[in-house]
Amino acid sequence: MPSGWSTFDHTGDLGLEVWADSPRELYATAALALSAQLARVAEGPAEVEWTAELEGDDAADLLVHWLNTALLESETRHALWTSAEVTAWSPTRLEARLKGPRRDRERQEFLREVKAVSHHDLLLELERRPCRCRLILDL
């Protein structure tokens, strides 16, 4: 099954459901799904690249830490992530690379501001295939 995502309404916030064939793909797809909630991006060159090495207490904590860090780095680097690769993953550690264009109101349609990814109502299933997660984005 190919990876993907969908959104759902959640009391004043936005829910995000993500699925993929492996934990590595799930974490990478979740970063792209999060970025897709910020803006619509036309095809173009990856002008910004960022490499991450992160740790968490467990797989769920690592997922939230990863996404909040990707969100912060997107903001501070003025980039929108359109490519994600998780190069190493364990339930408490990941290494990944994100790439994308610089933020530009002339080239992108901005949709909403996401303040953070919450631990609230987090669901993470890594044992079954496809792997999946349900997240709440604080708007």
Protein backbone atom coordinates (compact mmCIF):
# COMPACT_ATOMS: atom_id res chain seq x y z
CA MET A 1 0.00 0.00 0.00
CA PRO A 2 1.41 3.42 -0.87
CA SER A 3 1.94 5.93 1.89
CA GLY A 4 -0.45 8.82 2.34
CA TRP A 5 -2.42 11.03 4.69
CA SER A 6 -5.78 12.60 5.32
CA THR A 7 -7.07 15.28 7.65
CA PHE A 8 -10.02 15.31 10.02
CA ASP A 9 -11.70 17.99 12.10
CA HIS A 10 -10.86 18.20 15.78
CA THR A 11 -12.40 20.82 18.09
CA GLY A 12 -10.70 24.01 16.93
CA ASP A 13 -7.60 22.15 15.78
CA LEU A 14 -6.79 19.86 12.88
CA GLY A 15 -6.36 16.10 12.94
CA LEU A 16 -3.90 14.32 10.69
CA GLU A 17 -3.91 10.60 9.91
CA VAL A 18 -0.84 9.16 8.18
CA TRP A 19 -0.10 5.65 6.89
CA ALA A 20 2.91 3.92 5.32
CA ASP A 21 4.46 0.48 4.88
CA SER A 22 7.24 0.90 7.46
CA PRO A 23 8.08 3.09 10.46
CA ARG A 24 10.76 4.92 8.44
CA GLU A 25 8.27 5.73 5.70
CA LEU A 26 5.62 6.70 8.27
CA TYR A 27 7.89 9.27 9.95
CA ALA A 28 8.97 10.69 6.57
CA THR A 29 5.39 10.84 5.28
CA ALA A 30 4.20 12.48 8.50
CA ALA A 31 6.74 15.31 8.00
CA LEU A 32 5.50 15.86 4.43
CA ALA A 33 1.86 15.69 5.56
CA LEU A 34 2.58 18.33 8.21
CA SER A 35 4.28 20.60 5.67
CA ALA A 36 1.32 20.16 3.30
CA GLN A 37 -0.94 21.68 5.97
CA LEU A 38 1.10 24.89 5.89
CA ALA A 39 1.07 25.66 2.16
CA ARG A 40 0.47 24.38 -1.35
CA VAL A 41 3.82 24.18 -3.09
CA ALA A 42 4.32 23.94 -6.85
CA GLU A 43 7.07 21.70 -8.15
CA GLY A 44 10.44 23.34 -8.00
CA PRO A 45 14.01 22.98 -6.83
CA ALA A 46 14.95 22.06 -3.29
CA GLU A 47 16.70 25.23 -2.18
CA VAL A 48 17.02 24.32 1.50
CA GLU A 49 18.23 21.07 3.08
CA TRP A 50 18.26 20.13 6.76
CA THR A 51 19.60 16.98 8.41
CA ALA A 52 18.24 15.83 11.77
CA GLU A 53 19.48 13.49 14.47
CA LEU A 54 16.85 13.25 17.20
CA GLU A 55 16.02 11.09 20.21
CA GLY A 56 12.82 10.44 22.13
CA ASP A 57 11.65 8.47 25.16
CA ASP A 58 9.68 6.06 22.95
CA ALA A 59 8.32 5.87 19.40
CA ALA A 60 5.38 8.20 20.09
CA ASP A 61 7.53 10.80 21.86
CA LEU A 62 10.06 10.59 19.01
CA LEU A 63 7.31 11.17 16.42
CA VAL A 64 6.02 14.30 18.15
CA HIS A 65 9.58 15.58 18.74
CA TRP A 66 10.47 14.92 15.09
CA LEU A 67 7.43 16.75 13.73
CA ASN A 68 7.72 19.71 16.09
CA THR A 69 11.40 20.04 15.23
CA ALA A 70 10.63 19.81 11.47
CA LEU A 71 8.01 22.53 11.97
CA LEU A 72 10.47 24.76 13.86
CA GLU A 73 13.23 24.22 11.29
CA SER A 74 10.79 25.01 8.49
CA GLU A 75 10.04 28.32 10.17
CA THR A 76 13.61 29.28 11.07
CA ARG A 77 15.04 28.24 7.69
CA HIS A 78 12.11 29.85 5.79
CA ALA A 79 11.49 26.58 3.94
CA LEU A 80 8.61 24.26 3.09
CA TRP A 81 9.57 20.59 3.15
CA THR A 82 8.68 18.71 -0.04
CA SER A 83 11.11 15.80 0.32
CA ALA A 84 11.72 13.67 3.40
CA GLU A 85 13.97 10.67 3.92
CA VAL A 86 14.44 8.88 7.22
CA THR A 87 17.86 7.28 6.87
CA ALA A 88 17.98 5.55 10.28
CA TRP A 89 15.19 4.74 12.71
CA SER A 90 14.65 2.98 16.01
CA PRO A 91 11.79 3.56 18.49
CA THR A 92 13.94 6.10 20.35
CA ARG A 93 16.19 7.61 17.65
CA LEU A 94 16.06 8.82 14.07
CA GLU A 95 18.25 10.38 11.45
CA ALA A 96 16.56 12.14 8.56
CA ARG A 97 16.95 14.66 5.77
CA LEU A 98 14.34 17.21 4.71
CA LYS A 99 14.51 19.32 1.55
CA GLY A 100 12.31 21.95 -0.02
CA PRO A 101 11.95 25.39 -1.53
CA ARG A 102 12.26 28.67 0.31
CA ARG A 103 8.98 30.21 1.47
CA ASP A 104 7.74 32.61 -1.17
CA ARG A 105 4.22 34.07 -1.27
CA GLU A 106 4.49 34.46 -5.03
CA ARG A 107 5.17 30.75 -5.59
CA GLN A 108 3.13 29.18 -2.79
CA GLU A 109 -0.38 29.41 -1.42
CA PHE A 110 -0.22 29.56 2.38
CA LEU A 111 -3.07 27.70 4.11
CA ARG A 112 -2.73 28.01 7.88
CA GLU A 113 -0.33 28.42 10.76
CA VAL A 114 0.41 25.28 12.75
CA LYS A 115 1.72 26.10 16.21
CA ALA A 116 2.67 22.57 17.28
CA VAL A 117 2.01 18.85 17.07
CA SER A 118 0.34 17.66 20.26
CA HIS A 119 0.67 14.49 22.33
CA HIS A 120 -3.10 14.83 22.91
CA ASP A 121 -5.08 11.89 21.43
CA LEU A 122 -1.94 10.57 19.72
CA LEU A 123 -2.32 7.13 18.18
CA LEU A 124 0.71 5.29 16.79
CA GLU A 125 0.58 1.76 15.36
CA LEU A 126 3.90 0.39 14.14
CA GLU A 127 3.36 -3.37 14.47
CA ARG A 128 0.72 -3.80 11.74
CA ARG A 129 1.03 -2.97 8.06
CA PRO A 130 0.38 -0.38 7.06
CA CYS A 131 1.85 1.51 10.00
CA ARG A 132 -0.28 4.50 10.93
CA CYS A 133 -0.59 7.43 13.26
CA ARG A 134 -3.27 9.97 14.20
CA LEU A 135 -2.06 13.34 15.38
CA ILE A 136 -3.62 16.60 16.51
CA LEU A 137 -2.12 19.81 15.13
CA ASP A 138 -2.50 22.89 17.33
CA LEU A 139 -3.59 25.77 15.11
